[in-house]
Protein backbone atom coordinates (compact mmCIF):
# COMPACT_ATOMS: atom_id res chain seq x y z
CA MET A 1 -71.16 54.09 335.29
CA PRO A 2 -67.70 53.83 337.35
CA ILE A 3 -66.83 51.69 334.67
CA LEU A 4 -68.05 53.94 331.63
CA ILE A 5 -65.98 56.71 333.57
CA PHE A 6 -62.63 54.41 333.99
CA VAL A 7 -62.92 53.66 329.92
CA TYR A 8 -63.27 56.99 329.40
CA LEU A 9 -60.63 58.44 331.64
CA ALA A 10 -58.29 55.66 330.25
CA ALA A 11 -58.95 56.31 326.56
CA ILE A 12 -58.36 59.75 326.58
CA SER A 13 -55.09 59.98 328.31
CA ASN A 14 -53.92 57.08 326.32
CA PHE A 15 -55.03 58.86 323.19
CA ILE A 16 -53.72 62.03 323.74
CA PHE A 17 -50.28 60.78 325.03
CA ARG A 18 -50.18 58.62 321.77
CA GLN A 19 -51.45 61.58 319.32
CA PHE A 20 -48.58 64.14 320.17
CA ASN A 21 -46.18 61.18 321.08
CA ARG A 22 -45.19 59.63 317.69
CA GLY A 23 -42.61 57.23 317.10
CA LEU A 24 -42.77 55.96 320.55
CA ALA A 25 -41.16 52.36 321.21
CA ARG A 26 -43.59 49.48 321.71
CA ASN A 27 -42.07 49.13 325.75
CA SER A 28 -43.13 53.03 326.18
CA ARG A 29 -46.44 52.88 325.03
CA GLY A 30 -47.16 50.06 326.90
CA GLN A 31 -45.86 51.29 330.00
CA GLN A 32 -47.62 54.37 329.49
CA LEU A 33 -50.79 52.54 328.86
CA ARG A 34 -50.80 50.88 331.97
CA ARG A 35 -49.67 54.01 333.82
CA TYR A 36 -52.88 55.21 332.98
CA LEU A 37 -55.29 51.73 333.00
CA LEU A 38 -53.82 52.20 337.18
CA ALA A 39 -54.43 56.01 337.62
CA SER A 40 -57.81 55.42 336.15
CA LEU A 41 -58.87 52.56 338.33
CA GLN A 42 -58.14 54.59 341.55
CA ALA A 43 -59.68 57.54 340.14
CA ILE A 44 -63.26 55.53 340.32
CA ILE A 45 -62.53 54.22 343.87
CA PRO A 46 -64.58 57.23 345.79
CA MET A 47 -67.45 56.78 343.52
CA CYS A 48 -67.75 53.41 343.78
CA LEU A 49 -67.52 53.61 347.71
CA LEU A 50 -69.51 56.96 348.08
CA GLN A 51 -71.84 57.80 345.06
CA PRO A 52 -72.39 61.01 343.99
CA SER A 53 -74.71 62.77 341.60
CA THR A 54 -74.44 62.40 337.89
CA ALA A 55 -74.26 66.07 338.27
CA THR A 56 -71.55 66.04 340.43
CA LEU A 57 -69.27 63.38 338.19
CA VAL A 58 -69.81 65.67 335.01
CA ALA A 59 -68.65 68.80 336.25
CA ALA A 60 -65.31 66.83 338.00
CA LEU A 61 -65.05 64.86 334.53
CA LEU A 62 -65.29 67.76 332.77
CA THR A 63 -62.47 69.90 334.75
CA ALA A 64 -60.33 66.98 334.49
CA THR A 65 -60.69 66.35 331.05
CA LEU A 66 -59.65 70.40 330.18
CA TRP A 67 -56.56 68.89 332.51
CA ILE A 68 -55.83 66.15 330.22
CA VAL A 69 -56.52 67.86 326.92
CA THR A 70 -55.57 71.75 326.87
CA TYR A 71 -51.82 72.08 327.63
CA ASN A 72 -51.03 68.93 325.02
CA VAL A 73 -52.99 70.08 322.30
CA VAL A 74 -52.36 73.97 322.74
CA TYR A 75 -48.15 73.41 322.90
CA HIS A 76 -49.13 70.73 319.71
CA LEU A 77 -50.75 73.19 317.62
CA ALA A 78 -48.18 75.89 318.62
CA HIS A 79 -44.77 73.68 318.05
CA ARG A 80 -45.73 70.76 315.33
CA ALA A 81 -43.61 72.87 312.92
CA THR A 82 -40.57 72.73 314.69
CA SER A 83 -41.24 69.72 317.62
CA PRO A 84 -42.55 65.91 316.97
CA ASP A 85 -43.80 65.49 320.06
CA TYR A 86 -44.81 67.75 323.26
CA ASP A 87 -43.14 68.19 326.45
CA ASN A 88 -44.42 65.62 328.27
CA HIS A 89 -45.53 67.37 331.65
CA MET A 90 -47.78 65.67 334.28
CA ASP A 91 -50.88 67.31 332.89
CA ILE A 92 -52.40 63.75 331.79
CA ALA A 93 -51.99 62.20 335.20
CA PHE A 94 -52.86 65.25 337.16
CA GLY A 95 -56.54 65.17 335.34
CA ILE A 96 -57.08 61.49 335.99
CA TYR A 97 -56.19 61.96 339.63
CA LEU A 98 -57.89 65.33 340.19
CA PHE A 99 -61.21 63.37 339.14
CA GLY A 100 -60.64 60.88 341.91
CA TRP A 101 -59.65 63.92 344.17
CA LEU A 102 -62.68 65.78 343.62
CA THR A 103 -65.23 63.36 343.60
CA ALA A 104 -63.62 61.90 346.70
CA GLY A 105 -63.30 65.13 348.56
CA GLN A 106 -67.02 66.54 347.47
CA ALA A 107 -68.26 62.98 348.67
CA VAL A 108 -66.92 63.33 352.28
CA LEU A 109 -67.89 67.03 352.76
CA SER A 110 -71.55 66.04 351.54
CA THR A 111 -72.04 63.74 354.24
CA ALA A 112 -71.61 66.56 356.87
CA SER A 113 -73.27 69.67 354.46
CA PRO A 114 -74.11 69.36 350.84
CA VAL A 115 -74.78 73.05 350.70
CA VAL A 116 -71.03 73.44 351.92
CA ALA A 117 -69.57 70.89 349.71
CA GLY A 118 -71.27 72.59 346.84
CA ILE A 119 -69.56 75.86 347.72
CA VAL A 120 -66.51 75.00 348.27
CA PHE A 121 -65.97 72.44 345.82
CA GLY A 122 -68.10 74.21 343.27
CA VAL A 123 -65.50 77.43 343.42
CA ILE A 124 -62.01 74.93 343.49
CA GLU A 125 -63.83 73.25 340.45
CA THR A 126 -64.24 77.07 338.65
CA LEU A 127 -60.91 78.19 339.52
CA LEU A 128 -59.34 74.61 338.08
CA ILE A 129 -61.37 75.12 335.04
CA LEU A 130 -60.45 78.97 334.31
CA LEU A 131 -56.46 77.89 334.04
CA PRO A 132 -56.92 75.57 330.67
CA MET A 133 -59.60 77.45 329.71
CA ALA A 134 -57.32 80.63 329.83
CA GLN A 135 -54.54 78.64 327.83
CA ALA A 136 -56.86 77.72 325.10
CA ILE A 137 -58.01 81.14 324.53
CA TYR A 138 -54.54 82.48 324.63
CA TYR A 139 -53.77 80.21 321.96
CA ALA A 140 -56.72 81.34 319.81
CA ILE A 141 -55.65 85.05 320.41
CA TYR A 142 -51.90 84.68 319.72
CA ARG A 143 -51.78 81.81 317.80
CA THR A 144 -49.13 80.21 320.64
CA CYS A 145 -49.25 78.62 323.82
CA VAL A 146 -47.99 80.37 327.20
CA ASP A 147 -44.57 80.47 326.60
CA GLU A 148 -41.56 82.20 328.36
CA ALA A 149 -42.23 85.32 326.54
CA GLY A 150 -46.00 85.20 327.89
CA MET A 151 -45.22 84.55 331.00
CA GLN A 152 -42.81 86.80 332.29
CA PRO A 153 -45.23 90.11 331.44
CA LEU A 154 -47.89 88.36 333.53
CA LEU A 155 -45.47 88.34 336.67
CA ASN A 156 -43.66 91.54 335.63
CA THR A 157 -47.15 93.74 334.92
CA TYR A 158 -47.91 95.94 337.60
CA LEU A 159 -51.43 96.75 338.60
CA THR A 160 -52.41 100.30 336.54
CA GLU A 161 -51.00 99.03 333.07
CA ALA A 162 -53.12 95.35 333.86
CA VAL A 163 -56.68 97.92 334.43
CA GLU A 164 -55.05 99.59 331.49
CA PHE A 165 -55.45 96.29 329.30
CA VAL A 166 -59.04 95.42 330.49
CA ARG A 167 -60.07 98.53 330.02
CA SER A 168 -58.76 98.38 326.40
CA PHE A 169 -61.48 95.83 325.65
CA ALA A 170 -64.61 97.18 324.67
CA VAL A 171 -67.69 96.80 327.76
CA TRP A 172 -69.37 94.17 326.73
CA LYS A 173 -66.35 91.61 325.98
CA SER A 174 -65.45 92.78 329.69
CA ALA A 175 -69.17 92.13 330.93
CA ALA A 176 -69.35 88.93 328.94
CA ILE A 177 -66.03 87.51 330.48
CA LEU A 178 -67.55 88.36 333.84
CA VAL A 179 -70.81 86.73 333.35
CA ALA A 180 -68.94 83.46 332.08
CA ILE A 181 -66.89 83.18 335.30
CA ILE A 182 -70.13 83.68 337.04
CA ALA A 183 -72.15 81.12 335.48
CA THR A 184 -69.40 78.56 335.54
CA THR A 185 -69.18 79.02 339.33
CA ALA A 186 -72.62 79.25 339.61
CA LEU A 187 -72.82 75.79 337.61
CA CYS A 188 -70.19 74.01 339.74
CA VAL A 189 -71.95 74.79 343.02
CA ALA A 190 -75.13 73.87 341.69
CA ALA A 191 -73.78 70.44 340.40
CA ASN A 192 -71.89 70.05 343.90
CA CYS A 193 -74.67 70.72 346.10
CA CYS A 194 -75.92 67.28 346.33
CA SER A 195 -76.10 64.71 348.76
CA ILE A 196 -74.36 61.51 348.30
CA GLU A 197 -75.22 57.60 348.34
CA TYR A 198 -74.07 54.87 350.33
CA ILE A 199 -73.31 51.95 348.09
CA ILE A 200 -73.70 48.19 349.19
CA THR A 201 -74.40 49.12 352.97
CA ASP A 202 -78.03 48.18 353.38
CA GLY A 203 -78.20 51.19 356.19
CA ASN A 204 -75.15 49.74 358.32
CA PRO A 205 -74.39 52.88 360.26
CA THR A 206 -70.89 50.69 361.27
CA MET A 207 -70.28 50.50 357.22
CA GLN A 208 -71.49 53.36 356.43
CA THR A 209 -68.90 55.25 358.63
CA ALA A 210 -66.34 52.45 357.25
CA ILE A 211 -66.78 53.54 354.05
CA THR A 212 -66.46 57.46 355.21
CA CYS A 213 -63.30 57.04 356.94
CA LEU A 214 -61.61 55.07 353.50
CA THR A 215 -62.95 57.77 351.09
CA VAL A 216 -61.07 60.14 353.97
CA ALA A 217 -58.43 58.47 353.38
CA ILE A 218 -57.98 58.13 349.81
CA PHE A 219 -58.93 61.81 349.51
CA ALA A 220 -55.69 62.15 351.89
CA TYR A 221 -53.66 60.40 349.66
CA PHE A 222 -54.70 61.99 346.13
CA THR A 223 -53.92 65.26 348.13
CA ILE A 224 -50.67 64.20 349.28
CA TYR A 225 -50.02 63.37 345.54
CA ILE A 226 -51.29 65.88 343.87
CA TRP A 227 -50.71 69.20 345.74
CA LYS A 228 -47.55 68.21 347.11
CA LYS A 229 -45.47 71.57 347.36
CA ARG A 230 -42.50 70.40 345.16
CA HIS A 231 -43.03 66.93 344.04
CA GLY A 232 -46.69 66.72 343.19
CA LEU A 233 -48.70 66.25 340.23
CA PHE A 234 -49.83 69.56 340.09
CA VAL A 235 -46.59 71.60 340.22
CA ARG A 236 -45.28 69.42 337.15
CA THR A 237 -48.04 70.44 335.10
CA GLY A 238 -46.90 72.62 331.96
CA ILE A 239 -48.48 75.65 332.82
CA MET A 240 -47.14 75.30 336.46
CA THR A 241 -43.75 74.17 335.25
CA LEU A 242 -43.30 77.13 333.07
CA TYR A 243 -44.53 79.32 335.87
CA ILE A 244 -42.17 78.01 338.42
CA ASP A 245 -39.20 78.26 336.38
CA THR A 246 -39.91 82.03 335.31
CA ARG A 247 -40.83 83.04 338.84
CA ASN A 248 -37.40 80.74 339.50
CA TYR A 249 -35.32 83.02 336.95
CA ASN A 250 -36.45 86.51 338.30
CA ARG A 251 -35.61 85.04 342.03
CA GLU A 252 -32.04 84.53 339.91
CA VAL A 253 -32.27 88.11 338.70
CA MET A 254 -32.30 89.29 342.44
CA LEU A 255 -28.74 88.03 342.43
CA TYR A 256 -27.85 90.77 340.28
CA ARG A 257 -28.32 93.09 343.71
CA SER A 258 -25.91 90.91 346.37
CA GLY A 259 -23.16 89.99 343.62
CA MET A 260 -22.74 93.72 343.11
CA LYS A 261 -19.66 94.28 345.45
CA GLN A 262 -18.06 90.92 343.16
CA ARG A 263 -18.03 92.42 340.31
CA LEU A 264 -17.44 96.12 341.11
CA GLU A 265 -14.33 94.78 342.34
CA SER A 266 -13.16 93.15 339.27
CA LEU A 267 -14.41 96.70 336.84
CA THR A 268 -11.24 98.28 335.67
CA VAL A 269 -12.45 101.71 333.61
CA GLU A 270 -10.04 104.17 331.80
CA ASN A 271 -11.10 107.34 330.08
CA ASN A 272 -9.30 107.54 326.51
CA VAL A 273 -9.12 111.29 326.61
CA GLU A 274 -7.56 113.36 329.44
CA GLU A 275 -9.57 116.74 330.10
CA LYS A 276 -8.03 119.46 331.08
CA THR A 277 -9.04 120.62 334.97
CA ASP A 278 -8.24 124.34 334.59
CA ASN A 279 -12.08 126.07 334.33
CA ARG A 280 -13.34 122.80 333.24
CA GLN A 281 -17.20 123.35 333.43
CA GLY A 282 -19.65 120.12 334.11
CA LYS A 283 -20.65 118.00 331.28
CA THR A 284 -23.78 115.76 330.26
CA ILE A 285 -24.44 112.55 328.20
CA ILE A 286 -28.13 111.47 328.15
CA MET A 287 -29.60 107.82 327.17
CA VAL A 288 -33.30 107.94 326.60
CA ILE A 289 -34.99 104.69 326.58
CA GLY A 290 -38.42 104.97 324.60
CA GLU A 291 -41.04 102.31 324.41
CA SER A 292 -42.65 100.36 321.52
CA ALA A 293 -41.51 102.70 318.82
CA CYS A 294 -41.29 101.21 315.18
CA ARG A 295 -39.28 103.10 312.94
CA ASP A 296 -41.92 102.08 310.26
CA TYR A 297 -43.94 105.02 311.73
CA MET A 298 -41.51 107.56 312.04
CA SER A 299 -41.03 110.34 309.11
CA ALA A 300 -37.80 110.89 309.91
CA PHE A 301 -36.82 107.06 309.16
CA GLN A 302 -39.67 106.93 306.01
CA PRO A 303 -39.21 109.93 304.59
CA GLU A 304 -41.82 108.91 302.13
CA GLN A 305 -44.60 108.15 303.95
CA PRO A 306 -47.72 110.82 303.64
CA TRP A 307 -47.57 111.68 307.00
CA GLN A 308 -45.47 113.56 309.30
CA THR A 309 -45.05 112.21 313.21
CA THR A 310 -41.20 113.59 313.74
CA PRO A 311 -40.88 117.20 312.42
CA TRP A 312 -38.13 117.83 314.69
CA GLU A 313 -36.05 114.76 314.35
CA THR A 314 -36.39 114.58 310.61
CA ASP A 315 -35.12 118.67 310.32
CA LYS A 316 -32.17 117.33 312.55
CA LYS A 317 -31.71 114.58 310.29
CA ASN A 318 -31.91 116.77 307.05
CA ASP A 319 -29.47 119.22 308.69
CA ASN A 320 -26.25 117.82 307.88
CA ASN A 321 -24.37 119.91 310.35
CA SER A 322 -26.97 119.07 313.58
CA GLY A 323 -24.64 116.64 314.72
CA PHE A 324 -27.26 113.97 314.84
CA ILE A 325 -26.39 110.93 313.38
CA PHE A 326 -29.54 108.12 312.22
CA PHE A 327 -29.13 104.80 312.17
CA PRO A 328 -31.82 103.15 310.06
CA ASN A 329 -30.95 99.04 310.30
CA ALA A 330 -31.48 99.40 313.96
CA TYR A 331 -33.33 96.07 315.50
CA SER A 332 -34.18 95.18 319.23
CA CYS A 333 -33.25 92.06 320.46
CA ALA A 334 -36.58 90.97 322.18
CA MET A 335 -40.46 91.80 321.68
CA GLN A 336 -40.67 93.33 325.12
CA THR A 337 -39.72 95.32 327.85
CA VAL A 338 -37.78 93.38 330.43
CA PRO A 339 -36.20 90.66 328.46
CA SER A 340 -34.74 93.66 325.79
CA LEU A 341 -33.84 96.12 328.14
CA GLU A 342 -31.91 93.70 331.12
CA ARG A 343 -29.89 93.13 327.98
CA VAL A 344 -29.63 96.63 326.78
CA LEU A 345 -28.41 97.65 330.32
CA THR A 346 -25.75 95.16 330.71
CA GLU A 347 -23.04 93.53 329.36
CA ARG A 348 -25.10 90.48 328.52
CA ASN A 349 -26.28 90.09 325.26
CA GLN A 350 -27.55 87.61 322.36
CA TYR A 351 -23.94 86.73 321.28
CA ASN A 352 -22.48 86.03 324.21
CA ASP A 353 -25.59 84.89 326.37
CA LYS A 354 -23.69 86.11 329.65
CA PRO A 355 -25.47 85.63 332.94
CA PHE A 356 -27.55 88.55 333.93
CA CYS A 357 -26.50 88.63 337.76
CA ASP A 358 -22.48 88.52 336.40
CA SER A 359 -22.84 91.62 334.06
CA CYS A 360 -21.94 94.99 334.57
CA SER A 361 -23.99 97.63 333.81
CA ILE A 362 -24.03 101.03 332.05
CA VAL A 363 -24.21 102.41 335.07
CA ASP A 364 -21.50 100.66 336.52
CA ILE A 365 -19.32 101.88 333.75
CA ALA A 366 -21.11 105.50 333.95
CA HIS A 367 -19.94 106.00 337.13
CA ARG A 368 -16.56 104.40 337.02
CA ALA A 369 -16.11 107.00 334.07
CA GLY A 370 -16.57 109.62 336.50
CA TYR A 371 -20.51 110.38 336.08
CA ARG A 372 -23.37 110.87 338.75
CA VAL A 373 -25.87 109.02 337.03
CA LYS A 374 -29.66 110.17 337.20
CA TRP A 375 -32.45 107.78 336.24
CA TYR A 376 -35.90 108.87 335.87
CA SER A 377 -38.54 106.47 334.78
CA ASN A 378 -42.22 106.72 333.73
CA GLN A 379 -42.30 103.05 333.28
CA SER A 380 -43.84 102.17 336.72
CA TYR A 381 -41.61 100.72 339.90
CA ILE A 382 -42.63 97.23 340.79
CA GLY A 383 -41.31 97.59 343.75
CA ILE A 384 -41.07 93.66 345.65
CA ASN A 385 -41.11 91.80 342.25
CA ASP A 386 -38.14 94.23 340.86
CA THR A 387 -37.09 93.45 336.87
CA SER A 388 -33.63 93.28 336.06
CA VAL A 389 -34.68 96.75 334.61
CA THR A 390 -35.30 98.26 338.23
CA LEU A 391 -32.64 96.33 340.11
CA VAL A 392 -29.97 98.23 337.19
CA ALA A 393 -31.85 101.57 337.84
CA GLN A 394 -31.57 101.40 341.50
CA THR A 395 -27.74 101.43 341.15
CA ALA A 396 -27.86 105.18 340.00
CA ASP A 397 -26.99 108.31 342.38
CA THR A 398 -30.53 109.02 341.71
CA ALA A 399 -33.79 106.69 340.84
CA LYS A 400 -36.85 108.44 340.82
CA TRP A 401 -40.24 107.46 339.42
CA VAL A 402 -42.90 109.23 338.04
CA LYS A 403 -45.74 109.19 340.30
CA LYS A 404 -48.98 108.09 339.71
CA GLU A 405 -51.83 110.45 340.21
CA GLY A 406 -54.76 107.99 341.51
CA GLY A 407 -53.37 105.38 339.37
CA VAL A 408 -53.38 107.04 336.46
CA GLN A 409 -50.15 106.91 333.98
CA GLN A 410 -49.08 110.25 334.13
CA PHE A 411 -47.94 111.62 330.16
CA ASP A 412 -43.85 111.30 329.27
CA GLU A 413 -43.75 115.62 329.64
CA SER A 414 -43.85 114.85 333.84
CA LEU A 415 -40.18 113.54 333.33
CA LEU A 416 -39.01 117.19 332.37
CA THR A 417 -39.74 118.65 335.92
CA PHE A 418 -36.62 116.08 336.97
CA LEU A 419 -33.98 117.43 334.55
CA ASP A 420 -34.40 120.89 337.06
CA GLU A 421 -32.65 118.45 339.43
CA ILE A 422 -29.48 117.98 337.84
CA ASN A 423 -26.68 119.98 339.00
CA PRO A 424 -24.81 121.09 335.66
CA GLU A 425 -21.65 122.06 337.41
CA GLU A 426 -20.73 118.34 337.97
CA ASP A 427 -20.43 115.13 335.10
CA ASN A 428 -23.48 113.45 334.28
CA PHE A 429 -24.90 110.84 333.01
CA VAL A 430 -28.90 110.75 332.84
CA VAL A 431 -31.33 107.94 331.45
CA LEU A 432 -34.70 108.96 330.97
CA HIS A 433 -37.36 105.75 330.45
CA LEU A 434 -40.42 106.82 328.25
CA LYS A 435 -44.22 105.34 328.20
CA GLY A 436 -44.02 106.39 325.11
CA SER A 437 -46.14 104.54 322.19
CA HIS A 438 -47.14 101.51 324.72
CA PHE A 439 -50.49 100.49 324.18
CA ASN A 440 -52.84 101.75 324.45
CA TYR A 441 -51.80 104.63 322.21
CA GLU A 442 -54.86 107.04 322.98
CA ASN A 443 -53.40 107.21 326.70
CA ARG A 444 -49.87 108.22 326.11
CA TYR A 445 -50.27 111.80 324.76
CA PRO A 446 -52.94 114.74 326.28
CA ALA A 447 -56.40 115.45 324.27
CA SER A 448 -54.65 118.96 324.27
CA TYR A 449 -51.85 118.15 322.03
CA ALA A 450 -54.01 116.31 319.73
CA ASP A 451 -55.92 119.37 319.42
CA LYS A 452 -53.09 121.64 319.38
CA HIS A 453 -51.38 119.68 316.43
CA ASN A 454 -54.49 118.68 314.35
CA LEU A 455 -53.74 115.26 314.98
CA ARG A 456 -56.62 113.04 314.42
CA THR A 457 -57.70 110.55 317.21
CA ASP A 458 -61.37 108.96 315.53
CA LEU A 459 -59.42 106.73 312.86
CA GLY A 460 -58.49 104.00 315.71
CA ASP A 461 -55.19 102.12 316.85
CA VAL A 462 -52.95 103.20 314.10
CA GLU A 463 -53.48 106.93 313.87
CA CYS A 464 -53.17 107.03 318.07
CA TYR A 465 -50.06 105.31 317.53
CA ARG A 466 -48.73 107.54 315.08
CA ASN A 467 -50.29 110.30 317.38
CA SER A 468 -47.78 108.81 320.11
CA ILE A 469 -44.67 109.34 317.90
CA HIS A 470 -45.42 112.66 317.51
CA TYR A 471 -45.92 113.44 320.83
CA THR A 472 -42.68 111.51 321.66
CA ASP A 473 -40.58 113.64 319.07
CA THR A 474 -41.95 117.02 320.61
CA LEU A 475 -40.98 115.21 324.05
CA LEU A 476 -37.10 114.66 322.63
CA HIS A 477 -37.04 118.12 321.23
CA ARG A 478 -37.77 119.57 324.43
CA VAL A 479 -35.15 117.25 326.40
CA PHE A 480 -32.68 118.77 323.88
CA ASP A 481 -33.44 122.18 324.01
CA TYR A 482 -32.85 121.81 328.45
CA ALA A 483 -30.20 120.13 328.27
CA ASP A 484 -28.16 122.20 325.35
CA SER A 485 -29.13 125.56 327.00
CA ARG A 486 -28.62 124.32 330.49
CA LEU A 487 -26.94 121.53 331.13
CA ASN A 488 -23.68 121.52 328.53
CA LEU A 489 -25.05 118.35 326.65
CA GLN A 490 -22.18 116.39 324.84
CA SER A 491 -24.20 113.80 323.74
CA MET A 492 -27.66 112.06 323.27
CA VAL A 493 -28.84 108.99 322.30
CA TYR A 494 -32.11 107.43 322.05
CA PHE A 495 -33.65 104.41 320.92
CA SER A 496 -36.63 102.04 321.89
CA ASP A 497 -36.63 99.10 323.99
CA HIS A 498 -38.96 97.03 320.82
CA GLY A 499 -41.34 98.20 318.04
CA GLY A 500 -44.49 97.44 317.56
CA ILE A 501 -47.18 96.60 315.38
CA PRO A 502 -50.50 98.90 316.07
CA ASP A 503 -53.18 97.01 314.20
CA MET A 504 -52.50 93.79 315.89
CA ARG A 505 -52.99 93.32 319.69
CA ARG A 506 -49.87 92.71 321.17
CA SER A 507 -48.66 89.78 321.42
CA PRO A 508 -45.88 87.57 322.66
CA ARG A 509 -44.89 85.54 319.77
CA PHE A 510 -42.91 86.78 316.73
CA LEU A 511 -45.77 88.53 314.15
CA GLY A 512 -43.25 90.30 311.65
CA PHE A 513 -40.45 92.25 311.80
CA LYS A 514 -42.18 95.56 312.38
CA MET A 515 -41.93 94.04 316.42
CA VAL A 516 -38.30 94.49 316.43
CA ARG A 517 -37.24 97.20 313.55
CA ILE A 518 -36.66 100.43 316.29
CA PRO A 519 -35.47 103.99 315.93
CA MET A 520 -32.29 104.79 316.70
CA TRP A 521 -30.06 107.90 316.54
CA VAL A 522 -27.05 109.74 318.57
CA TYR A 523 -26.45 113.45 318.69
CA MET A 524 -22.71 114.65 319.27
CA SER A 525 -22.01 118.34 320.18
CA ASP A 526 -19.40 120.26 318.37
CA ASN A 527 -16.87 120.23 321.54
CA TYR A 528 -17.49 116.28 321.21
CA ARG A 529 -17.00 115.65 317.77
CA LYS A 530 -13.66 117.60 318.51
CA GLU A 531 -12.69 115.80 321.88
CA HIS A 532 -13.88 112.43 320.49
CA SER A 533 -12.99 112.73 316.57
CA ALA A 534 -11.94 108.45 316.79
CA THR A 535 -15.89 107.56 318.29
CA ALA A 536 -17.11 110.39 316.24
CA GLY A 537 -15.62 109.46 313.11
CA ALA A 538 -16.69 105.70 314.06
CA LEU A 539 -20.33 106.71 314.44
CA VAL A 540 -20.78 107.97 311.03
CA ALA A 541 -18.87 105.33 309.10
CA ASN A 542 -21.14 102.87 310.74
CA LYS A 543 -24.51 104.66 310.67
CA ASP A 544 -25.64 102.37 308.10
CA LYS A 545 -24.30 98.94 309.48
CA TYR A 546 -26.73 96.98 311.08
CA PHE A 547 -27.68 97.02 314.60
CA THR A 548 -29.43 95.17 317.37
CA ASN A 549 -30.09 96.88 320.67
CA ASP A 550 -28.56 94.44 323.08
CA LEU A 551 -25.49 95.79 322.11
CA VAL A 552 -26.45 99.31 323.55
CA TYR A 553 -24.13 98.51 326.62
CA GLU A 554 -21.10 98.70 324.09
CA LEU A 555 -22.46 101.94 322.43
CA MET A 556 -22.62 103.61 325.56
CA CYS A 557 -18.94 102.71 326.19
CA GLY A 558 -18.02 103.92 322.87
CA ILE A 559 -19.44 107.16 323.43
CA PHE A 560 -18.00 107.42 327.19
CA ASP A 561 -14.58 106.87 325.22
CA ILE A 562 -13.18 104.63 327.16
CA ARG A 563 -11.01 101.09 328.27
CA SER A 564 -12.49 98.26 330.42
CA ASN A 565 -11.65 94.59 331.06
CA HIS A 566 -15.42 94.83 330.80
CA TYR A 567 -15.79 96.10 327.37
CA ASP A 568 -15.50 94.62 323.99
CA PRO A 569 -15.04 97.16 321.05
CA THR A 570 -15.60 95.03 318.19
CA GLN A 571 -19.58 94.52 319.71
CA SER A 572 -19.71 98.87 319.60
CA ILE A 573 -21.19 100.70 316.60
CA ALA A 574 -19.40 103.65 318.40
CA SER A 575 -16.12 101.63 317.66
CA PRO A 576 -13.69 101.13 313.70
CA LEU A 577 -13.20 97.58 315.45
CA TYR A 578 -17.02 96.99 315.06
CA LYS A 579 -17.62 93.52 313.71
CA TYR A 580 -21.57 92.47 313.03
CA ARG A 581 -23.05 92.39 309.50
CA ARG A 582 -26.97 91.78 308.97
CA GLU A 583 -26.18 88.01 308.49
CA ASP A 584 -24.72 87.53 311.82
CA LEU A 585 -26.99 89.35 313.95
CA MET A 586 -30.27 87.99 315.43
CA THR A 587 -33.63 89.08 317.55
CA TYR A 588 -36.05 87.29 319.50
CA ASP A 589 -33.60 86.26 322.03
CA GLY A 590 -31.28 84.41 319.29
CA ARG A 591 -34.49 82.77 317.56
CA ILE A 592 -34.83 84.98 314.39
CA ARG A 593 -32.33 86.13 311.61
CA ILE A 594 -32.30 90.05 310.96
CA GLU A 595 -31.22 88.68 307.50
CA ASP A 596 -34.78 87.11 307.05
CA ASP A 597 -36.43 91.03 307.29
CA ASP A 598 -37.18 91.95 303.90
CA LEU A 599 -38.65 94.57 304.57
CA ASP A 600 -35.44 96.71 304.68
CA GLN A 601 -34.69 95.35 301.21
CA HIS A 602 -37.56 98.04 299.69
């Protein structure tokens, strides 16, 4: 049995390595062969000293095999079109040594109590099996391996959103997953609840003790080698390297707060228009950030569609004297909220790739331009694991999040109550961050709203998605009317963080341009257009030009009508100097060219 397992571990390790590393030099192949042979030889030593049962060996071997194979195979399947080999992490070596660690630990602990050994190592093996299995399932669902786009939501998702995601599955699917986990745990525990046999001791107690001590020493060696905090094999496996890199990036984002004083010391802002101070009243500019809204499902942008999802916006678009400008060629820079808004809200964009922690924000500019900044959000506040979005929001004069009653996500109309707090005698810049059309779509609007507007709710996700857009249209109408009548509204900007494909489950990979085709419009009052004629003229002239929302920072600088050492007018669609053309623009963090979108050519 030890010889067979040695041959198996060495063979599968070298096969996986060579299969996904084509064109290796002969010395590299030979070097790796020797390494895996030595590792496989070490891994079988514990089973040669304290022989576990066949069931225990099978469970350990299955766990090891999953680690040797899974990451390398799914990485290859996901990247074979663009990469000739896989990113050589330590999954193979970890899998080999993991077999030795599991058999050594179970053997040692079972000398004291087979039941305790079975429970402890059964649970450990279950956890170790779930990680590669989750990667395989992730690939089966999304046809890509877990990457930065997949890991960021896992780290930044809050509890209520996770619960909502689980509830989106059919009950039988959730039950099947739970049963599978319980069954795996039970099988692993049963496989490890076995007494061990001593090899070549003839019942000699002294020899048995010596063998046990030697196995303990080997177990300690394996433990240090594979589980060491910074340099062990486990932390160098593919999935753990990704997790650590993503977590470290999030920690670097936290430098945004600590470096604020230095950033603001170098920031200069001057208003282009000097306003009269006699009998001057306060003014308000509002920026509304939508969520997961694709303009392809909005009748204001797709009037030929048979459904009416944006009656108010459509009326404003068709009224040439409304002061509204619609931008039919706006795209998001990413397909998820945090990576998109990190660029939307700051100088950082795909075209300069300035570090987030060194970038000034829209809030910083608004403050220097003389505005009181109010941030009201129906997205959850994450707290100690602050995202870049939360860090920017916290720099506002007032930052509030809608409270979740009993952990239940509230509807976006809850934001309207915050508007009563705004002092109309001050100059205000107000940010409203909606829940919009975030999955699950049927949870984005009240059932009473659907009844009132005769909206169908029995036709699946696409219909519910359109309903959520209809609800957002009504909300925007209410916000506009309130601000126009009570807050001396000068300008209002609406755009979405990213788009969505409602008949497909959310995916971290790029599935088509509907994921990034977003709505965007700008409103300017008569008074604003009179006082800021150059900005108004530029917006009208540029309305059909292409735009990505990581340039919203520059758009808002243009609407504030300021000059600044942290503002480049050539990147602002609110400036006559705007330089970008369709062929210049990118999405998906610079990986996809906007000019490859053929949807906008129909």
